[in-house]
Amino acid sequence: MKIFSAWRKVRDFERSRLPFLHSVIDFDILIEIGYAEEEGKPLTLKQLLLLIPTSRTTVRRRLSKLVEEGVVVQRKSASDQRANLLTISASSLKVFGKYAGTITAAFTFPQA
């Protein structure tokens, strides 16, 4: 079982295909937004701020950068025009699907 070669493959994928992940907070933001979207209940900024255990300023700054890079999309809520719903862009969803496949393949070891 070669654990570090598996982690190396994962990190190579992250560096080449996920350059927008600059910190663990970026990853946390994307996980929370993606999870809420999968559950059919996209998050608002206020909900996101309650989920990420760091300063509001940091979350806002990191989210703003992810929106600017096209990873996260903000759209107006149909029920409340004041609120923006956060979703993961379609192209980023594809990359995350490949990322999940890379992780699964890297850590699937033959049974001894």
C-alpha atoms as a PDB file:
ATOM      1  CA  MET A   1       0.000   0.000   0.000  1.00  0.00           C
ATOM      2  CA  LYS A   2       1.635   3.233  -1.138  1.00  0.00           C
ATOM      3  CA  ILE A   3      -0.161   5.982   0.707  1.00  0.00           C
ATOM      4  CA  PHE A   4       2.197   8.819  -0.135  1.00  0.00           C
ATOM      5  CA  SER A   5       2.199   8.047  -3.852  1.00  0.00           C
ATOM      6  CA  ALA A   6      -1.609   8.232  -3.674  1.00  0.00           C
ATOM      7  CA  TRP A   7      -1.462  11.599  -1.913  1.00  0.00           C
ATOM      8  CA  ARG A   8       1.072  12.773  -4.488  1.00  0.00           C
ATOM      9  CA  LYS A   9      -1.368  11.974  -7.317  1.00  0.00           C
ATOM     10  CA  VAL A  10      -4.117  13.874  -5.522  1.00  0.00           C
ATOM     11  CA  ARG A  11      -1.870  16.910  -4.927  1.00  0.00           C
ATOM     12  CA  ASP A  12      -0.718  16.875  -8.574  1.00  0.00           C
ATOM     13  CA  PHE A  13      -4.376  17.011  -9.632  1.00  0.00           C
ATOM     14  CA  GLU A  14      -5.076  19.834  -7.180  1.00  0.00           C
ATOM     15  CA  ARG A  15      -2.148  21.916  -8.419  1.00  0.00           C
ATOM     16  CA  SER A  16      -2.982  21.435 -12.089  1.00  0.00           C
ATOM     17  CA  ARG A  17      -6.803  21.467 -12.086  1.00  0.00           C
ATOM     18  CA  LEU A  18      -7.809  23.338  -8.913  1.00  0.00           C
ATOM     19  CA  PRO A  19      -5.546  26.415  -8.867  1.00  0.00           C
ATOM     20  CA  PHE A  20      -8.319  28.455  -7.244  1.00  0.00           C
ATOM     21  CA  LEU A  21      -7.999  26.492  -3.990  1.00  0.00           C
ATOM     22  CA  HIS A  22      -5.553  28.696  -2.134  1.00  0.00           C
ATOM     23  CA  SER A  23      -6.533  27.696   1.393  1.00  0.00           C
ATOM     24  CA  VAL A  24      -8.519  25.250   3.464  1.00  0.00           C
ATOM     25  CA  ILE A  25     -11.147  27.973   3.857  1.00  0.00           C
ATOM     26  CA  ASP A  26     -11.644  28.055   0.061  1.00  0.00           C
ATOM     27  CA  PHE A  27     -12.198  24.308   0.137  1.00  0.00           C
ATOM     28  CA  ASP A  28     -14.597  24.593   3.085  1.00  0.00           C
ATOM     29  CA  ILE A  29     -16.608  27.279   1.275  1.00  0.00           C
ATOM     30  CA  LEU A  30     -16.909  25.151  -1.851  1.00  0.00           C
ATOM     31  CA  ILE A  31     -17.870  22.036   0.103  1.00  0.00           C
ATOM     32  CA  GLU A  32     -20.644  23.867   1.965  1.00  0.00           C
ATOM     33  CA  ILE A  33     -21.998  25.539  -1.180  1.00  0.00           C
ATOM     34  CA  GLY A  34     -21.828  22.283  -3.166  1.00  0.00           C
ATOM     35  CA  TYR A  35     -23.440  20.243  -0.398  1.00  0.00           C
ATOM     36  CA  ALA A  36     -26.326  22.692  -0.044  1.00  0.00           C
ATOM     37  CA  GLU A  37     -26.787  22.671  -3.815  1.00  0.00           C
ATOM     38  CA  GLU A  38     -26.862  18.849  -3.871  1.00  0.00           C
ATOM     39  CA  GLU A  39     -29.520  18.942  -1.163  1.00  0.00           C
ATOM     40  CA  GLY A  40     -31.594  21.291  -3.351  1.00  0.00           C
ATOM     41  CA  LYS A  41     -31.259  24.205  -0.934  1.00  0.00           C
ATOM     42  CA  PRO A  42     -28.640  26.673  -2.238  1.00  0.00           C
ATOM     43  CA  LEU A  43     -27.040  28.825   0.443  1.00  0.00           C
ATOM     44  CA  THR A  44     -27.254  32.547   0.960  1.00  0.00           C
ATOM     45  CA  LEU A  45     -24.211  34.474   2.145  1.00  0.00           C
ATOM     46  CA  LYS A  46     -25.681  34.706   5.646  1.00  0.00           C
ATOM     47  CA  GLN A  47     -26.106  30.922   5.838  1.00  0.00           C
ATOM     48  CA  LEU A  48     -22.566  30.383   4.562  1.00  0.00           C
ATOM     49  CA  LEU A  49     -21.157  32.753   7.173  1.00  0.00           C
ATOM     50  CA  LEU A  50     -22.816  30.681   9.887  1.00  0.00           C
ATOM     51  CA  LEU A  51     -21.299  27.428   8.568  1.00  0.00           C
ATOM     52  CA  ILE A  52     -17.637  28.416   8.173  1.00  0.00           C
ATOM     53  CA  PRO A  53     -15.784  28.648  11.511  1.00  0.00           C
ATOM     54  CA  THR A  54     -13.633  31.689  10.761  1.00  0.00           C
ATOM     55  CA  SER A  55     -14.060  35.442  10.598  1.00  0.00           C
ATOM     56  CA  ARG A  56     -16.827  36.905   8.448  1.00  0.00           C
ATOM     57  CA  THR A  57     -14.316  39.146   6.710  1.00  0.00           C
ATOM     58  CA  THR A  58     -12.185  36.190   5.667  1.00  0.00           C
ATOM     59  CA  VAL A  59     -15.171  34.255   4.328  1.00  0.00           C
ATOM     60  CA  ARG A  60     -16.421  37.297   2.385  1.00  0.00           C
ATOM     61  CA  ARG A  61     -12.966  37.958   0.937  1.00  0.00           C
ATOM     62  CA  ARG A  62     -12.378  34.326  -0.061  1.00  0.00           C
ATOM     63  CA  LEU A  63     -15.903  33.997  -1.500  1.00  0.00           C
ATOM     64  CA  SER A  64     -15.447  37.200  -3.468  1.00  0.00           C
ATOM     65  CA  LYS A  65     -12.266  35.781  -4.990  1.00  0.00           C
ATOM     66  CA  LEU A  66     -14.022  32.508  -5.907  1.00  0.00           C
ATOM     67  CA  VAL A  67     -16.842  34.467  -7.577  1.00  0.00           C
ATOM     68  CA  GLU A  68     -14.305  36.591  -9.447  1.00  0.00           C
ATOM     69  CA  GLU A  69     -12.542  33.442 -10.689  1.00  0.00           C
ATOM     70  CA  GLY A  70     -15.857  31.987 -11.895  1.00  0.00           C
ATOM     71  CA  VAL A  71     -15.887  29.045  -9.496  1.00  0.00           C
ATOM     72  CA  VAL A  72     -18.934  30.236  -7.537  1.00  0.00           C
ATOM     73  CA  VAL A  73     -21.992  31.835  -9.125  1.00  0.00           C
ATOM     74  CA  GLN A  74     -24.317  34.254  -7.348  1.00  0.00           C
ATOM     75  CA  ARG A  75     -27.904  34.577  -8.510  1.00  0.00           C
ATOM     76  CA  LYS A  76     -30.925  36.364  -7.123  1.00  0.00           C
ATOM     77  CA  SER A  77     -33.371  34.331  -5.080  1.00  0.00           C
ATOM     78  CA  ALA A  78     -36.789  33.967  -6.717  1.00  0.00           C
ATOM     79  CA  SER A  79     -38.525  34.305  -3.360  1.00  0.00           C
ATOM     80  CA  ASP A  80     -36.447  37.203  -1.970  1.00  0.00           C
ATOM     81  CA  GLN A  81     -34.806  39.539  -4.479  1.00  0.00           C
ATOM     82  CA  ARG A  82     -32.528  40.925  -1.763  1.00  0.00           C
ATOM     83  CA  ALA A  83     -30.792  37.573  -1.253  1.00  0.00           C
ATOM     84  CA  ASN A  84     -28.160  36.054  -3.508  1.00  0.00           C
ATOM     85  CA  LEU A  85     -28.028  32.266  -3.767  1.00  0.00           C
ATOM     86  CA  LEU A  86     -24.596  30.689  -4.084  1.00  0.00           C
ATOM     87  CA  THR A  87     -23.948  27.795  -6.448  1.00  0.00           C
ATOM     88  CA  ILE A  88     -20.916  26.100  -7.975  1.00  0.00           C
ATOM     89  CA  SER A  89     -20.370  26.868 -11.679  1.00  0.00           C
ATOM     90  CA  ALA A  90     -21.029  24.041 -14.151  1.00  0.00           C
ATOM     91  CA  SER A  91     -17.390  23.882 -15.264  1.00  0.00           C
ATOM     92  CA  SER A  92     -16.203  23.686 -11.651  1.00  0.00           C
ATOM     93  CA  LEU A  93     -18.687  20.890 -10.929  1.00  0.00           C
ATOM     94  CA  LYS A  94     -17.111  18.856 -13.744  1.00  0.00           C
ATOM     95  CA  VAL A  95     -13.637  19.403 -12.315  1.00  0.00           C
ATOM     96  CA  PHE A  96     -14.820  18.379  -8.849  1.00  0.00           C
ATOM     97  CA  GLY A  97     -16.320  15.219 -10.336  1.00  0.00           C
ATOM     98  CA  LYS A  98     -12.928  14.360 -11.826  1.00  0.00           C
ATOM     99  CA  TYR A  99     -11.284  15.258  -8.518  1.00  0.00           C
ATOM    100  CA  ALA A 100     -13.528  12.783  -6.686  1.00  0.00           C
ATOM    101  CA  GLY A 101     -12.596  10.137  -9.269  1.00  0.00           C
ATOM    102  CA  THR A 102      -8.901  10.869  -8.769  1.00  0.00           C
ATOM    103  CA  ILE A 103      -9.213  10.526  -5.005  1.00  0.00           C
ATOM    104  CA  THR A 104     -11.178   7.289  -5.318  1.00  0.00           C
ATOM    105  CA  ALA A 105      -8.687   5.816  -7.785  1.00  0.00           C
ATOM    106  CA  ALA A 106      -5.673   6.938  -5.739  1.00  0.00           C
ATOM    107  CA  PHE A 107      -6.949   5.348  -2.540  1.00  0.00           C
ATOM    108  CA  THR A 108      -8.385   2.123  -3.940  1.00  0.00           C
ATOM    109  CA  PHE A 109      -5.770  -0.411  -2.972  1.00  0.00           C
ATOM    110  CA  PRO A 110      -5.743  -4.071  -3.987  1.00  0.00           C
ATOM    111  CA  GLN A 111      -6.896  -6.390  -1.231  1.00  0.00           C
ATOM    112  CA  ALA A 112      -4.116  -8.562   0.127  1.00  0.00           C
END
